[in-house]
Protein backbone atom coordinates (compact mmCIF):
# COMPACT_ATOMS: atom_id res chain seq x y z
CA MET A 1 91.08 111.56 121.09
CA SER A 2 91.15 112.90 117.55
CA LYS A 3 89.40 111.19 114.68
CA ILE A 4 91.58 109.02 112.46
CA PRO A 5 91.62 110.50 108.94
CA ASP A 6 90.04 108.62 106.06
CA PHE A 7 92.20 107.06 103.37
CA SER A 8 93.60 109.67 101.04
CA PRO A 9 93.07 109.36 97.28
CA GLU A 10 96.76 108.45 96.99
CA GLU A 11 96.41 105.65 99.57
CA GLU A 12 93.33 104.30 97.79
CA LYS A 13 95.25 104.33 94.50
CA VAL A 14 98.04 102.28 96.10
CA VAL A 15 95.45 99.71 97.19
CA ALA A 16 93.64 99.63 93.83
CA ASP A 17 96.91 99.33 91.86
CA THR A 18 98.32 96.63 94.16
CA LEU A 19 95.14 94.54 94.08
CA LYS A 20 95.01 94.87 90.29
CA GLU A 21 98.60 93.64 90.06
CA ARG A 22 97.95 90.76 92.49
CA TYR A 23 94.75 89.51 90.86
CA GLY A 24 95.55 90.39 87.24
CA LYS A 25 92.60 92.75 86.78
CA PRO A 26 90.85 95.51 88.76
CA HIS A 27 89.64 94.02 92.04
CA GLU A 28 86.61 95.30 93.93
CA TYR A 29 87.06 96.61 97.46
CA GLN A 30 84.90 98.52 99.89
CA LEU A 31 85.60 101.45 102.17
CA VAL A 32 84.25 100.52 105.60
CA ASP A 33 84.60 101.52 109.24
CA VAL A 34 85.76 99.08 111.89
CA GLU A 35 86.17 99.22 115.65
CA LEU A 36 89.62 98.20 116.89
CA ARG A 37 91.43 98.13 120.20
CA LEU A 38 94.59 100.00 119.27
CA THR A 39 96.58 98.56 122.18
CA PRO A 40 96.03 95.27 124.02
CA ASP A 41 95.13 97.04 127.25
CA ASP A 42 92.61 99.43 125.68
CA SER A 43 89.21 99.02 127.30
CA GLN A 44 87.56 101.08 124.56
CA VAL A 45 87.49 100.51 120.83
CA THR A 46 88.41 103.17 118.30
CA ASP A 47 86.55 103.77 115.04
CA CYS A 48 88.99 103.31 112.17
CA PRO A 49 88.51 103.68 108.42
CA ALA A 50 89.31 100.44 106.61
CA ILE A 51 89.42 98.81 103.22
CA TYR A 52 87.79 95.40 102.89
CA TRP A 53 87.96 92.92 100.02
CA GLU A 54 87.46 89.24 99.35
CA SER A 55 89.27 86.72 97.22
CA GLU A 56 87.88 83.22 96.89
CA ASP A 57 87.07 82.15 100.47
CA CYS A 58 89.37 84.69 102.15
CA HIS A 59 88.43 88.09 103.56
CA PHE A 60 90.96 90.91 103.94
CA LEU A 61 90.97 94.03 106.08
CA LEU A 62 93.42 96.93 105.94
CA ALA A 63 92.67 99.56 108.58
CA LYS A 64 94.09 103.02 109.05
CA THR A 65 94.93 103.41 112.74
CA GLY A 66 96.64 106.79 112.63
CA ASP A 67 97.84 109.50 110.23
CA SER A 68 100.43 107.14 108.70
CA GLN A 69 99.75 103.92 110.58
CA PHE A 70 98.11 100.79 109.20
CA TYR A 71 96.93 97.42 110.49
CA SER A 72 95.91 94.39 108.46
CA GLN A 73 94.55 90.90 108.78
CA PHE A 74 92.96 88.18 106.68
CA PHE A 75 90.43 85.65 107.78
CA TYR A 76 88.33 82.72 106.68
CA GLY A 77 85.78 83.00 109.48
CA ASN A 78 85.59 83.82 113.17
CA ARG A 79 87.90 80.96 114.11
CA GLU A 80 90.52 81.45 111.42
CA GLN A 81 91.98 84.95 111.69
CA PHE A 82 95.56 85.75 110.75
CA GLY A 83 97.89 88.73 110.87
CA THR A 84 101.35 89.36 109.52
CA GLY A 85 103.19 89.07 112.82
CA ARG A 86 103.55 92.84 113.02
CA GLN A 87 101.00 95.02 114.74
CA TYR A 88 101.35 98.25 112.76
CA TYR A 89 103.00 99.54 109.60
CA ASP A 90 103.95 103.11 108.73
CA ASP A 91 103.74 102.43 104.98
CA ILE A 92 100.50 101.31 103.35
CA LEU A 93 102.24 99.49 100.48
CA ASP A 94 104.46 97.51 102.86
CA CYS A 95 101.40 96.59 104.94
CA LEU A 96 99.40 95.51 101.91
CA ILE A 97 102.15 93.52 100.18
CA THR A 98 103.12 91.76 103.41
CA THR A 99 99.50 90.78 104.04
CA LEU A 100 99.08 89.39 100.53
CA ARG A 101 102.35 87.43 100.80
CA VAL A 102 101.51 85.97 104.20
CA GLN A 103 98.08 84.92 102.96
CA ALA A 104 99.56 83.32 99.81
CA ASP A 105 102.09 81.45 101.96
CA HIS A 106 99.26 80.34 104.25
CA VAL A 107 97.34 78.90 101.29
CA LEU A 108 100.41 77.02 100.04
CA GLU A 109 101.06 75.55 103.50
CA ARG A 110 97.40 74.66 104.00
CA ASP A 111 97.27 72.93 100.61
CA LYS A 112 100.50 71.04 101.35
CA VAL A 113 99.13 69.78 104.67
CA LYS A 114 95.86 68.79 103.01
CA GLU A 115 97.74 66.93 100.25
CA LEU A 116 99.81 65.02 102.81
CA SER A 117 96.73 63.96 104.76
CA ASP A 118 94.90 62.65 101.66
């Protein structure tokens, strides 16, 4: 199996610009490597380049799983992990924006439930 290419400078710029727009100022992120099962029946994990960042108590991961294939999730801990409902994206901007929207919707719903229970 061939190695998945690192994020290109153009892909990193998309991430940096989108995070800056979302948070209102440049937002720190890290280039990391993660191990993912690319299909549910994979017995082996694949090393994938990824971009990781945090905002408040939420952690985000955007992984490159192929030449033009991306996966994302956000999480609050081991027991609270969320995706977008779609396994892979062929456009990094679509993947990133969808992840940020789903997480924002999650926060609104979580706050609404908390408010109702108080």
